[in-house]
Amino acid sequence: MGAVTSLDPAIADRLKRSADRLVPAVVQQHDTGEVLMLGWMDDEALARTLSSGRATYWSRSRQEYWVKGDTSGHVQWVKEVRLDCDGDTLLVKVDQVGAACHTGDRTCFDADLLLADA
């Protein structure tokens, strides 16, 4: 990926990061409200997301940046990014192309229903 991208200091100052300098990013289909996945962003991943319009995350397992869809073709076109009231969670509203989950499911929340209103 290109040169390091810096996050606007006004945004960076508002973020409350975990001990490993990450912020969780809840990813939602922009027009239906469907929750697709949870990713992790550091300052650079957020800056890349804001500047490119493509969702970019930090992979905790691979210790590298990844742009959703670069490998799978299942691109997330970013429509909106919001910061919650505490500054510790991002909401990324996207137009999801194909499956959001690495398993091939539409969302990462399709497989394990723990409780359903009877």
PDB file of N, CA and C in Angstrom:
ATOM      1  N   MET A   1       0.859  -1.180   0.000  1.00  0.00           N
ATOM      2  CA  MET A   1       0.000   0.000   0.000  1.00  0.00           C
ATOM      3  C   MET A   1       0.895   1.230   0.000  1.00  0.00           C
ATOM      4  N   GLY A   2       0.391   2.359  -0.376  1.00  0.00           N
ATOM      5  CA  GLY A   2       1.170   3.578  -0.539  1.00  0.00           C
ATOM      6  C   GLY A   2       1.774   4.108   0.735  1.00  0.00           C
ATOM      7  N   ALA A   3       2.079   5.373   0.710  1.00  0.00           N
ATOM      8  CA  ALA A   3       2.721   6.041   1.829  1.00  0.00           C
ATOM      9  C   ALA A   3       1.823   6.057   3.069  1.00  0.00           C
ATOM     10  N   VAL A   4       2.451   6.205   4.191  1.00  0.00           N
ATOM     11  CA  VAL A   4       1.719   6.279   5.452  1.00  0.00           C
ATOM     12  C   VAL A   4       0.806   7.495   5.423  1.00  0.00           C
ATOM     13  N   THR A   5      -0.408   7.273   5.849  1.00  0.00           N
ATOM     14  CA  THR A   5      -1.408   8.334   5.868  1.00  0.00           C
ATOM     15  C   THR A   5      -1.615   8.778   7.304  1.00  0.00           C
ATOM     16  N   SER A   6      -1.648  10.082   7.531  1.00  0.00           N
ATOM     17  CA  SER A   6      -1.831  10.609   8.872  1.00  0.00           C
ATOM     18  C   SER A   6      -3.289  10.948   9.129  1.00  0.00           C
ATOM     19  N   LEU A   7      -3.732  10.651  10.333  1.00  0.00           N
ATOM     20  CA  LEU A   7      -5.083  10.970  10.740  1.00  0.00           C
ATOM     21  C   LEU A   7      -5.139  12.417  11.197  1.00  0.00           C
ATOM     22  N   ASP A   8      -6.192  13.103  10.829  1.00  0.00           N
ATOM     23  CA  ASP A   8      -6.409  14.483  11.256  1.00  0.00           C
ATOM     24  C   ASP A   8      -6.285  14.540  12.781  1.00  0.00           C
ATOM     25  N   PRO A   9      -5.435  15.404  13.327  1.00  0.00           N
ATOM     26  CA  PRO A   9      -5.242  15.483  14.781  1.00  0.00           C
ATOM     27  C   PRO A   9      -6.544  15.752  15.549  1.00  0.00           C
ATOM     28  N   ALA A  10      -7.473  16.473  14.945  1.00  0.00           N
ATOM     29  CA  ALA A  10      -8.752  16.745  15.621  1.00  0.00           C
ATOM     30  C   ALA A  10      -9.539  15.450  15.836  1.00  0.00           C
ATOM     31  N   ILE A  11      -9.424  14.518  14.893  1.00  0.00           N
ATOM     32  CA  ILE A  11     -10.072  13.214  15.054  1.00  0.00           C
ATOM     33  C   ILE A  11      -9.254  12.349  16.005  1.00  0.00           C
ATOM     34  N   ALA A  12      -7.953  12.297  15.804  1.00  0.00           N
ATOM     35  CA  ALA A  12      -7.074  11.465  16.632  1.00  0.00           C
ATOM     36  C   ALA A  12      -7.211  11.800  18.116  1.00  0.00           C
ATOM     37  N   ASP A  13      -7.370  13.069  18.439  1.00  0.00           N
ATOM     38  CA  ASP A  13      -7.492  13.491  19.836  1.00  0.00           C
ATOM     39  C   ASP A  13      -8.770  12.978  20.489  1.00  0.00           C
ATOM     40  N   ARG A  14      -9.771  12.667  19.693  1.00  0.00           N
ATOM     41  CA  ARG A  14     -11.054  12.210  20.237  1.00  0.00           C
ATOM     42  C   ARG A  14     -11.105  10.702  20.450  1.00  0.00           C
ATOM     43  N   LEU A  15     -10.173   9.958  19.833  1.00  0.00           N
ATOM     44  CA  LEU A  15     -10.204   8.500  19.920  1.00  0.00           C
ATOM     45  C   LEU A  15      -9.687   7.989  21.260  1.00  0.00           C
ATOM     46  N   LYS A  16     -10.407   7.025  21.810  1.00  0.00           N
ATOM     47  CA  LYS A  16      -9.951   6.294  22.995  1.00  0.00           C
ATOM     48  C   LYS A  16      -9.609   4.895  22.511  1.00  0.00           C
ATOM     49  N   ARG A  17      -8.333   4.584  22.537  1.00  0.00           N
ATOM     50  CA  ARG A  17      -7.843   3.341  21.972  1.00  0.00           C
ATOM     51  C   ARG A  17      -7.639   2.281  23.048  1.00  0.00           C
ATOM     52  N   SER A  18      -7.645   1.017  22.612  1.00  0.00           N
ATOM     53  CA  SER A  18      -7.348  -0.092  23.513  1.00  0.00           C
ATOM     54  C   SER A  18      -5.854  -0.072  23.842  1.00  0.00           C
ATOM     55  N   ALA A  19      -5.433  -0.989  24.703  1.00  0.00           N
ATOM     56  CA  ALA A  19      -4.017  -1.059  25.087  1.00  0.00           C
ATOM     57  C   ALA A  19      -3.118  -1.291  23.869  1.00  0.00           C
ATOM     58  N   ASP A  20      -3.639  -1.947  22.839  1.00  0.00           N
ATOM     59  CA  ASP A  20      -2.842  -2.181  21.639  1.00  0.00           C
ATOM     60  C   ASP A  20      -3.071  -1.111  20.562  1.00  0.00           C
ATOM     61  N   ARG A  21      -3.610   0.035  20.989  1.00  0.00           N
ATOM     62  CA  ARG A  21      -3.760   1.234  20.151  1.00  0.00           C
ATOM     63  C   ARG A  21      -4.814   1.083  19.055  1.00  0.00           C
ATOM     64  N   LEU A  22      -5.801   0.211  19.293  1.00  0.00           N
ATOM     65  CA  LEU A  22      -6.836  -0.043  18.298  1.00  0.00           C
ATOM     66  C   LEU A  22      -8.199   0.438  18.769  1.00  0.00           C
ATOM     67  N   VAL A  23      -9.069   0.673  17.798  1.00  0.00           N
ATOM     68  CA  VAL A  23     -10.451   1.054  18.061  1.00  0.00           C
ATOM     69  C   VAL A  23     -11.333   0.061  17.294  1.00  0.00           C
ATOM     70  N   PRO A  24     -12.349  -0.528  17.967  1.00  0.00           N
ATOM     71  CA  PRO A  24     -13.247  -1.420  17.237  1.00  0.00           C
ATOM     72  C   PRO A  24     -14.108  -0.635  16.257  1.00  0.00           C
ATOM     73  N   ALA A  25     -14.341  -1.245  15.101  1.00  0.00           N
ATOM     74  CA  ALA A  25     -15.160  -0.630  14.060  1.00  0.00           C
ATOM     75  C   ALA A  25     -16.311  -1.575  13.724  1.00  0.00           C
ATOM     76  N   VAL A  26     -17.516  -1.195  14.133  1.00  0.00           N
ATOM     77  CA  VAL A  26     -18.713  -1.943  13.788  1.00  0.00           C
ATOM     78  C   VAL A  26     -19.062  -1.559  12.355  1.00  0.00           C
ATOM     79  N   VAL A  27     -19.255  -2.576  11.509  1.00  0.00           N
ATOM     80  CA  VAL A  27     -19.506  -2.321  10.095  1.00  0.00           C
ATOM     81  C   VAL A  27     -20.954  -2.688   9.774  1.00  0.00           C
ATOM     82  N   GLN A  28     -21.647  -1.737   9.144  1.00  0.00           N
ATOM     83  CA  GLN A  28     -23.076  -1.853   8.911  1.00  0.00           C
ATOM     84  C   GLN A  28     -23.380  -1.529   7.440  1.00  0.00           C
ATOM     85  N   GLN A  29     -24.301  -2.299   6.851  1.00  0.00           N
ATOM     86  CA  GLN A  29     -24.784  -1.985   5.500  1.00  0.00           C
ATOM     87  C   GLN A  29     -25.522  -0.652   5.574  1.00  0.00           C
ATOM     88  N   HIS A  30     -25.128   0.306   4.762  1.00  0.00           N
ATOM     89  CA  HIS A  30     -25.611   1.680   4.900  1.00  0.00           C
ATOM     90  C   HIS A  30     -27.114   1.842   4.693  1.00  0.00           C
ATOM     91  N   ASP A  31     -27.719   1.061   3.805  1.00  0.00           N
ATOM     92  CA  ASP A  31     -29.125   1.305   3.484  1.00  0.00           C
ATOM     93  C   ASP A  31     -30.110   0.421   4.241  1.00  0.00           C
ATOM     94  N   THR A  32     -29.659  -0.722   4.767  1.00  0.00           N
ATOM     95  CA  THR A  32     -30.570  -1.629   5.474  1.00  0.00           C
ATOM     96  C   THR A  32     -30.338  -1.659   6.978  1.00  0.00           C
ATOM     97  N   GLY A  33     -29.158  -1.193   7.408  1.00  0.00           N
ATOM     98  CA  GLY A  33     -28.818  -1.238   8.831  1.00  0.00           C
ATOM     99  C   GLY A  33     -28.288  -2.587   9.279  1.00  0.00           C
ATOM    100  N   GLU A  34     -28.170  -3.545   8.365  1.00  0.00           N
ATOM    101  CA  GLU A  34     -27.663  -4.883   8.693  1.00  0.00           C
ATOM    102  C   GLU A  34     -26.232  -4.783   9.226  1.00  0.00           C
ATOM    103  N   VAL A  35     -25.969  -5.383  10.391  1.00  0.00           N
ATOM    104  CA  VAL A  35     -24.627  -5.401  10.950  1.00  0.00           C
ATOM    105  C   VAL A  35     -23.848  -6.510  10.253  1.00  0.00           C
ATOM    106  N   LEU A  36     -22.735  -6.148   9.650  1.00  0.00           N
ATOM    107  CA  LEU A  36     -21.979  -7.079   8.820  1.00  0.00           C
ATOM    108  C   LEU A  36     -20.803  -7.730   9.539  1.00  0.00           C
ATOM    109  N   MET A  37     -20.042  -6.949  10.275  1.00  0.00           N
ATOM    110  CA  MET A  37     -18.820  -7.477  10.882  1.00  0.00           C
ATOM    111  C   MET A  37     -18.267  -6.477  11.895  1.00  0.00           C
ATOM    112  N   LEU A  38     -17.234  -6.904  12.572  1.00  0.00           N
ATOM    113  CA  LEU A  38     -16.464  -6.043  13.459  1.00  0.00           C
ATOM    114  C   LEU A  38     -15.016  -6.117  13.013  1.00  0.00           C
ATOM    115  N   GLY A  39     -14.420  -4.963  12.791  1.00  0.00           N
ATOM    116  CA  GLY A  39     -13.011  -4.898  12.439  1.00  0.00           C
ATOM    117  C   GLY A  39     -12.292  -4.015  13.441  1.00  0.00           C
ATOM    118  N   TRP A  40     -10.993  -3.926  13.292  1.00  0.00           N
ATOM    119  CA  TRP A  40     -10.171  -3.101  14.186  1.00  0.00           C
ATOM    120  C   TRP A  40      -9.391  -2.098  13.356  1.00  0.00           C
ATOM    121  N   MET A  41      -9.337  -0.865  13.839  1.00  0.00           N
ATOM    122  CA  MET A  41      -8.593   0.188  13.150  1.00  0.00           C
ATOM    123  C   MET A  41      -7.653   0.877  14.121  1.00  0.00           C
ATOM    124  N   ASP A  42      -6.468   1.188  13.618  1.00  0.00           N
ATOM    125  CA  ASP A  42      -5.601   2.118  14.333  1.00  0.00           C
ATOM    126  C   ASP A  42      -5.715   3.452  13.596  1.00  0.00           C
ATOM    127  N   ASP A  43      -4.932   4.421  13.992  1.00  0.00           N
ATOM    128  CA  ASP A  43      -5.033   5.748  13.380  1.00  0.00           C
ATOM    129  C   ASP A  43      -4.812   5.697  11.873  1.00  0.00           C
ATOM    130  N   GLU A  44      -3.823   4.924  11.439  1.00  0.00           N
ATOM    131  CA  GLU A  44      -3.524   4.874  10.012  1.00  0.00           C
ATOM    132  C   GLU A  44      -4.636   4.177   9.229  1.00  0.00           C
ATOM    133  N   ALA A  45      -5.174   3.083   9.763  1.00  0.00           N
ATOM    134  CA  ALA A  45      -6.271   2.391   9.070  1.00  0.00           C
ATOM    135  C   ALA A  45      -7.478   3.318   8.917  1.00  0.00           C
ATOM    136  N   LEU A  46      -7.771   4.073   9.962  1.00  0.00           N
ATOM    137  CA  LEU A  46      -8.886   5.019   9.886  1.00  0.00           C
ATOM    138  C   LEU A  46      -8.583   6.110   8.865  1.00  0.00           C
ATOM    139  N   ALA A  47      -7.372   6.632   8.877  1.00  0.00           N
ATOM    140  CA  ALA A  47      -6.993   7.668   7.917  1.00  0.00           C
ATOM    141  C   ALA A  47      -7.093   7.146   6.483  1.00  0.00           C
ATOM    142  N   ARG A  48      -6.637   5.905   6.265  1.00  0.00           N
ATOM    143  CA  ARG A  48      -6.722   5.319   4.928  1.00  0.00           C
ATOM    144  C   ARG A  48      -8.183   5.137   4.511  1.00  0.00           C
ATOM    145  N   THR A  49      -9.016   4.716   5.447  1.00  0.00           N
ATOM    146  CA  THR A  49     -10.438   4.533   5.167  1.00  0.00           C
ATOM    147  C   THR A  49     -11.078   5.860   4.773  1.00  0.00           C
ATOM    148  N   LEU A  50     -10.802   6.901   5.551  1.00  0.00           N
ATOM    149  CA  LEU A  50     -11.397   8.210   5.289  1.00  0.00           C
ATOM    150  C   LEU A  50     -10.912   8.806   3.968  1.00  0.00           C
ATOM    151  N   SER A  51      -9.652   8.577   3.628  1.00  0.00           N
ATOM    152  CA  SER A  51      -9.109   9.199   2.414  1.00  0.00           C
ATOM    153  C   SER A  51      -9.402   8.393   1.152  1.00  0.00           C
ATOM    154  N   SER A  52      -9.559   7.077   1.266  1.00  0.00           N
ATOM    155  CA  SER A  52      -9.719   6.241   0.076  1.00  0.00           C
ATOM    156  C   SER A  52     -11.169   5.878  -0.238  1.00  0.00           C
ATOM    157  N   GLY A  53     -12.034   5.904   0.791  1.00  0.00           N
ATOM    158  CA  GLY A  53     -13.403   5.457   0.590  1.00  0.00           C
ATOM    159  C   GLY A  53     -13.547   3.946   0.567  1.00  0.00           C
ATOM    160  N   ARG A  54     -12.480   3.231   0.884  1.00  0.00           N
ATOM    161  CA  ARG A  54     -12.468   1.773   0.992  1.00  0.00           C
ATOM    162  C   ARG A  54     -12.138   1.418   2.438  1.00  0.00           C
ATOM    163  N   ALA A  55     -12.876   0.486   3.009  1.00  0.00           N
ATOM    164  CA  ALA A  55     -12.665   0.096   4.401  1.00  0.00           C
ATOM    165  C   ALA A  55     -11.317  -0.600   4.554  1.00  0.00           C
ATOM    166  N   THR A  56     -10.498  -0.050   5.443  1.00  0.00           N
ATOM    167  CA  THR A  56      -9.161  -0.568   5.713  1.00  0.00           C
ATOM    168  C   THR A  56      -9.057  -0.879   7.197  1.00  0.00           C
ATOM    169  N   TYR A  57      -8.536  -2.054   7.514  1.00  0.00           N
ATOM    170  CA  TYR A  57      -8.474  -2.521   8.901  1.00  0.00           C
ATOM    171  C   TYR A  57      -7.060  -2.942   9.258  1.00  0.00           C
ATOM    172  N   TRP A  58      -6.840  -3.120  10.568  1.00  0.00           N
ATOM    173  CA  TRP A  58      -5.602  -3.690  11.066  1.00  0.00           C
ATOM    174  C   TRP A  58      -5.899  -5.131  11.455  1.00  0.00           C
ATOM    175  N   SER A  59      -5.174  -6.063  10.887  1.00  0.00           N
ATOM    176  CA  SER A  59      -5.349  -7.471  11.221  1.00  0.00           C
ATOM    177  C   SER A  59      -4.531  -7.790  12.460  1.00  0.00           C
ATOM    178  N   ARG A  60      -5.217  -8.144  13.534  1.00  0.00           N
ATOM    179  CA  ARG A  60      -4.507  -8.488  14.776  1.00  0.00           C
ATOM    180  C   ARG A  60      -3.753  -9.802  14.625  1.00  0.00           C
ATOM    181  N   SER A  61      -4.267 -10.726  13.846  1.00  0.00           N
ATOM    182  CA  SER A  61      -3.595 -12.019  13.688  1.00  0.00           C
ATOM    183  C   SER A  61      -2.393 -11.930  12.742  1.00  0.00           C
ATOM    184  N   ARG A  62      -2.519 -11.172  11.658  1.00  0.00           N
ATOM    185  CA  ARG A  62      -1.424 -11.058  10.689  1.00  0.00           C
ATOM    186  C   ARG A  62      -0.507  -9.863  10.949  1.00  0.00           C
ATOM    187  N   GLN A  63      -0.961  -8.960  11.833  1.00  0.00           N
ATOM    188  CA  GLN A  63      -0.181  -7.760  12.147  1.00  0.00           C
ATOM    189  C   GLN A  63       0.135  -6.948  10.886  1.00  0.00           C
ATOM    190  N   GLU A  64      -0.922  -6.702  10.090  1.00  0.00           N
ATOM    191  CA  GLU A  64      -0.760  -5.902   8.883  1.00  0.00           C
ATOM    192  C   GLU A  64      -2.097  -5.268   8.507  1.00  0.00           C
ATOM    193  N   TYR A  65      -2.019  -4.243   7.658  1.00  0.00           N
ATOM    194  CA  TYR A  65      -3.235  -3.596   7.167  1.00  0.00           C
ATOM    195  C   TYR A  65      -3.847  -4.458   6.077  1.00  0.00           C
ATOM    196  N   TRP A  66      -5.176  -4.406   5.994  1.00  0.00           N
ATOM    197  CA  TRP A  66      -5.861  -5.072   4.887  1.00  0.00           C
ATOM    198  C   TRP A  66      -7.053  -4.235   4.462  1.00  0.00           C
ATOM    199  N   VAL A  67      -7.221  -4.145   3.159  1.00  0.00           N
ATOM    200  CA  VAL A  67      -8.338  -3.420   2.572  1.00  0.00           C
ATOM    201  C   VAL A  67      -9.379  -4.464   2.202  1.00  0.00           C
ATOM    202  N   LYS A  68     -10.559  -4.336   2.785  1.00  0.00           N
ATOM    203  CA  LYS A  68     -11.621  -5.308   2.555  1.00  0.00           C
ATOM    204  C   LYS A  68     -11.905  -5.418   1.067  1.00  0.00           C
ATOM    205  N   GLY A  69     -11.773  -6.628   0.539  1.00  0.00           N
ATOM    206  CA  GLY A  69     -12.070  -6.894  -0.857  1.00  0.00           C
ATOM    207  C   GLY A  69     -10.867  -7.003  -1.763  1.00  0.00           C
ATOM    208  N   ASP A  70      -9.680  -6.602  -1.313  1.00  0.00           N
ATOM    209  CA  ASP A  70      -8.500  -6.689  -2.173  1.00  0.00           C
ATOM    210  C   ASP A  70      -8.204  -8.128  -2.591  1.00  0.00           C
ATOM    211  N   THR A  71      -8.450  -9.077  -1.708  1.00  0.00           N
ATOM    212  CA  THR A  71      -8.210 -10.480  -2.026  1.00  0.00           C
ATOM    213  C   THR A  71      -9.471 -11.172  -2.518  1.00  0.00           C
ATOM    214  N   SER A  72     -10.580 -10.945  -1.824  1.00  0.00           N
ATOM    215  CA  SER A  72     -11.835 -11.654  -2.106  1.00  0.00           C
ATOM    216  C   SER A  72     -12.691 -11.030  -3.198  1.00  0.00           C
ATOM    217  N   GLY A  73     -12.491  -9.743  -3.450  1.00  0.00           N
ATOM    218  CA  GLY A  73     -13.383  -9.023  -4.351  1.00  0.00           C
ATOM    219  C   GLY A  73     -14.630  -8.512  -3.659  1.00  0.00           C
ATOM    220  N   HIS A  74     -14.786  -8.818  -2.370  1.00  0.00           N
ATOM    221  CA  HIS A  74     -15.948  -8.403  -1.585  1.00  0.00           C
ATOM    222  C   HIS A  74     -15.677  -7.043  -0.938  1.00  0.00           C
ATOM    223  N   VAL A  75     -15.712  -6.036  -1.757  1.00  0.00           N
ATOM    224  CA  VAL A  75     -15.312  -4.676  -1.393  1.00  0.00           C
ATOM    225  C   VAL A  75     -16.342  -4.023  -0.473  1.00  0.00           C
ATOM    226  N   GLN A  76     -15.859  -3.196   0.425  1.00  0.00           N
ATOM    227  CA  GLN A  76     -16.716  -2.334   1.235  1.00  0.00           C
ATOM    228  C   GLN A  76     -16.467  -0.892   0.806  1.00  0.00           C
ATOM    229  N   TRP A  77     -17.465  -0.309   0.126  1.00  0.00           N
ATOM    230  CA  TRP A  77     -17.397   1.100  -0.264  1.00  0.00           C
ATOM    231  C   TRP A  77     -17.958   1.912   0.898  1.00  0.00           C
ATOM    232  N   VAL A  78     -17.144   2.739   1.477  1.00  0.00           N
ATOM    233  CA  VAL A  78     -17.521   3.483   2.683  1.00  0.00           C
ATOM    234  C   VAL A  78     -18.435   4.650   2.318  1.00  0.00           C
ATOM    235  N   LYS A  79     -19.580   4.691   2.990  1.00  0.00           N
ATOM    236  CA  LYS A  79     -20.553   5.757   2.793  1.00  0.00           C
ATOM    237  C   LYS A  79     -20.517   6.777   3.925  1.00  0.00           C
ATOM    238  N   GLU A  80     -20.165   6.309   5.128  1.00  0.00           N
ATOM    239  CA  GLU A  80     -20.206   7.181   6.308  1.00  0.00           C
ATOM    240  C   GLU A  80     -19.363   6.545   7.412  1.00  0.00           C
ATOM    241  N   VAL A  81     -18.677   7.370   8.188  1.00  0.00           N
ATOM    242  CA  VAL A  81     -17.948   6.899   9.374  1.00  0.00           C
ATOM    243  C   VAL A  81     -18.348   7.792  10.536  1.00  0.00           C
ATOM    244  N   ARG A  82     -18.754   7.156  11.631  1.00  0.00           N
ATOM    245  CA  ARG A  82     -19.161   7.893  12.833  1.00  0.00           C
ATOM    246  C   ARG A  82     -18.338   7.431  14.024  1.00  0.00           C
ATOM    247  N   LEU A  83     -18.142   8.332  14.971  1.00  0.00           N
ATOM    248  CA  LEU A  83     -17.477   8.036  16.234  1.00  0.00           C
ATOM    249  C   LEU A  83     -18.528   8.080  17.327  1.00  0.00           C
ATOM    250  N   ASP A  84     -18.541   7.073  18.191  1.00  0.00           N
ATOM    251  CA  ASP A  84     -19.565   7.069  19.245  1.00  0.00           C
ATOM    252  C   ASP A  84     -19.290   8.135  20.289  1.00  0.00           C
ATOM    253  N   CYS A  85     -20.248   8.323  21.192  1.00  0.00           N
ATOM    254  CA  CYS A  85     -20.207   9.420  22.161  1.00  0.00           C
ATOM    255  C   CYS A  85     -19.007   9.338  23.103  1.00  0.00           C
ATOM    256  N   ASP A  86     -18.487   8.137  23.351  1.00  0.00           N
ATOM    257  CA  ASP A  86     -17.325   7.974  24.234  1.00  0.00           C
ATOM    258  C   ASP A  86     -16.000   8.037  23.491  1.00  0.00           C
ATOM    259  N   GLY A  87     -16.045   8.013  22.178  1.00  0.00           N
ATOM    260  CA  GLY A  87     -14.818   8.053  21.377  1.00  0.00           C
ATOM    261  C   GLY A  87     -14.081   6.733  21.327  1.00  0.00           C
ATOM    262  N   ASP A  88     -14.759   5.633  21.727  1.00  0.00           N
ATOM    263  CA  ASP A  88     -14.041   4.363  21.771  1.00  0.00           C
ATOM    264  C   ASP A  88     -14.543   3.309  20.788  1.00  0.00           C
ATOM    265  N   THR A  89     -15.475   3.682  19.915  1.00  0.00           N
ATOM    266  CA  THR A  89     -15.979   2.755  18.900  1.00  0.00           C
ATOM    267  C   THR A  89     -16.354   3.539  17.652  1.00  0.00           C
ATOM    268  N   LEU A  90     -16.025   2.962  16.512  1.00  0.00           N
ATOM    269  CA  LEU A  90     -16.390   3.543  15.233  1.00  0.00           C
ATOM    270  C   LEU A  90     -17.572   2.788  14.637  1.00  0.00           C
ATOM    271  N   LEU A  91     -18.416   3.485  13.911  1.00  0.00           N
ATOM    272  CA  LEU A  91     -19.470   2.879  13.115  1.00  0.00           C
ATOM    273  C   LEU A  91     -19.143   3.214  11.665  1.00  0.00           C
ATOM    274  N   VAL A  92     -18.922   2.169  10.869  1.00  0.00           N
ATOM    275  CA  VAL A  92     -18.567   2.348   9.473  1.00  0.00           C
ATOM    276  C   VAL A  92     -19.735   1.841   8.635  1.00  0.00           C
ATOM    277  N   LYS A  93     -20.409   2.750   7.957  1.00  0.00           N
ATOM    278  CA  LYS A  93     -21.530   2.383   7.101  1.00  0.00           C
ATOM    279  C   LYS A  93     -21.004   2.224   5.685  1.00  0.00           C
ATOM    280  N   VAL A  94     -21.278   1.046   5.109  1.00  0.00           N
ATOM    281  CA  VAL A  94     -20.685   0.691   3.831  1.00  0.00           C
ATOM    282  C   VAL A  94     -21.738   0.189   2.854  1.00  0.00           C
ATOM    283  N   ASP A  95     -21.341   0.160   1.595  1.00  0.00           N
ATOM    284  CA  ASP A  95     -22.076  -0.587   0.584  1.00  0.00           C
ATOM    285  C   ASP A  95     -21.245  -1.843   0.368  1.00  0.00           C
ATOM    286  N   GLN A  96     -21.720  -2.969   0.900  1.00  0.00           N
ATOM    287  CA  GLN A  96     -21.000  -4.226   0.860  1.00  0.00           C
ATOM    288  C   GLN A  96     -21.244  -4.935  -0.461  1.00  0.00           C
ATOM    289  N   VAL A  97     -20.168  -5.299  -1.143  1.00  0.00           N
ATOM    290  CA  VAL A  97     -20.247  -6.090  -2.367  1.00  0.00           C
ATOM    291  C   VAL A  97     -19.943  -7.533  -1.987  1.00  0.00           C
ATOM    292  N   GLY A  98     -20.919  -8.426  -2.143  1.00  0.00           N
ATOM    293  CA  GLY A  98     -20.709  -9.833  -1.797  1.00  0.00           C
ATOM    294  C   GLY A  98     -20.723 -10.052  -0.301  1.00  0.00           C
ATOM    295  N   ALA A  99     -20.053 -11.115   0.119  1.00  0.00           N
ATOM    296  CA  ALA A  99     -20.031 -11.513   1.525  1.00  0.00           C
ATOM    297  C   ALA A  99     -19.111 -10.609   2.338  1.00  0.00           C
ATOM    298  N   ALA A 100     -19.526 -10.302   3.561  1.00  0.00           N
ATOM    299  CA  ALA A 100     -18.668  -9.526   4.460  1.00  0.00           C
ATOM    300  C   ALA A 100     -17.761 -10.447   5.266  1.00  0.00           C
ATOM    301  N   CYS A 101     -18.235 -11.653   5.562  1.00  0.00           N
ATOM    302  CA  CYS A 101     -17.488 -12.571   6.429  1.00  0.00           C
ATOM    303  C   CYS A 101     -16.487 -13.393   5.619  1.00  0.00           C
ATOM    304  N   HIS A 102     -15.347 -13.674   6.228  1.00  0.00           N
ATOM    305  CA  HIS A 102     -14.327 -14.480   5.553  1.00  0.00           C
ATOM    306  C   HIS A 102     -14.793 -15.915   5.303  1.00  0.00           C
ATOM    307  N   THR A 103     -15.892 -16.341   5.968  1.00  0.00           N
ATOM    308  CA  THR A 103     -16.433 -17.689   5.764  1.00  0.00           C
ATOM    309  C   THR A 103     -17.294 -17.770   4.509  1.00  0.00           C
ATOM    310  N   GLY A 104     -17.612 -16.621   3.923  1.00  0.00           N
ATOM    311  CA  GLY A 104     -18.476 -16.583   2.762  1.00  0.00           C
ATOM    312  C   GLY A 104     -19.915 -16.218   3.094  1.00  0.00           C
ATOM    313  N   ASP A 105     -20.215 -16.094   4.406  1.00  0.00           N
ATOM    314  CA  ASP A 105     -21.554 -15.663   4.822  1.00  0.00           C
ATOM    315  C   ASP A 105     -21.719 -14.174   4.565  1.00  0.00           C
ATOM    316  N   ARG A 106     -22.956 -13.757   4.362  1.00  0.00           N
ATOM    317  CA  ARG A 106     -23.248 -12.341   4.142  1.00  0.00           C
ATOM    318  C   ARG A 106     -22.714 -11.495   5.295  1.00  0.00           C
ATOM    319  N   THR A 107     -22.972 -11.936   6.544  1.00  0.00           N
ATOM    320  CA  THR A 107     -22.468 -11.223   7.716  1.00  0.00           C
ATOM    321  C   THR A 107     -21.699 -12.194   8.602  1.00  0.00           C
ATOM    322  N   CYS A 108     -20.922 -11.658   9.495  1.00  0.00           N
ATOM    323  CA  CYS A 108     -20.195 -12.485  10.463  1.00  0.00           C
ATOM    324  C   CYS A 108     -21.109 -12.957  11.593  1.00  0.00           C
ATOM    325  N   PHE A 109     -22.380 -12.538  11.550  1.00  0.00           N
ATOM    326  CA  PHE A 109     -23.306 -12.862  12.617  1.00  0.00           C
ATOM    327  C   PHE A 109     -24.416 -13.807  12.152  1.00  0.00           C
ATOM    328  N   ASP A 110     -24.200 -14.521  11.037  1.00  0.00           N
ATOM    329  CA  ASP A 110     -25.196 -15.449  10.507  1.00  0.00           C
ATOM    330  C   ASP A 110     -25.209 -16.802  11.204  1.00  0.00           C
ATOM    331  N   ALA A 111     -24.079 -17.264  11.685  1.00  0.00           N
ATOM    332  CA  ALA A 111     -23.924 -18.678  12.046  1.00  0.00           C
ATOM    333  C   ALA A 111     -24.401 -19.050  13.453  1.00  0.00           C
ATOM    334  N   ASP A 112     -24.125 -18.250  14.449  1.00  0.00           N
ATOM    335  CA  ASP A 112     -24.341 -18.675  15.841  1.00  0.00           C
ATOM    336  C   ASP A 112     -25.376 -17.822  16.570  1.00  0.00           C
ATOM    337  N   LEU A 113     -26.640 -18.238  16.455  1.00  0.00           N
ATOM    338  CA  LEU A 113     -27.731 -17.561  17.149  1.00  0.00           C
ATOM    339  C   LEU A 113     -27.762 -18.052  18.583  1.00  0.00           C
ATOM    340  N   LEU A 114     -27.498 -17.177  19.542  1.00  0.00           N
ATOM    341  CA  LEU A 114     -27.447 -17.555  20.946  1.00  0.00           C
ATOM    342  C   LEU A 114     -28.784 -17.348  21.664  1.00  0.00           C
ATOM    343  N   LEU A 115     -29.561 -16.383  21.187  1.00  0.00           N
ATOM    344  CA  LEU A 115     -30.860 -16.099  21.804  1.00  0.00           C
ATOM    345  C   LEU A 115     -31.762 -15.475  20.749  1.00  0.00           C
ATOM    346  N   ALA A 116     -32.975 -15.967  20.699  1.00  0.00           N
ATOM    347  CA  ALA A 116     -33.964 -15.398  19.779  1.00  0.00           C
ATOM    348  C   ALA A 116     -35.256 -15.178  20.550  1.00  0.00           C
ATOM    349  N   ASP A 117     -35.910 -14.082  20.272  1.00  0.00           N
ATOM    350  CA  ASP A 117     -37.189 -13.791  20.895  1.00  0.00           C
ATOM    351  C   ASP A 117     -38.199 -14.832  20.429  1.00  0.00           C
ATOM    352  N   ALA A 118     -38.726 -15.591  21.386  1.00  0.00           N
ATOM    353  CA  ALA A 118     -39.604 -16.722  21.032  1.00  0.00           C
ATOM    354  C   ALA A 118     -40.956 -16.303  20.548  1.00  0.00           C
TER     355      ALA A 118
END
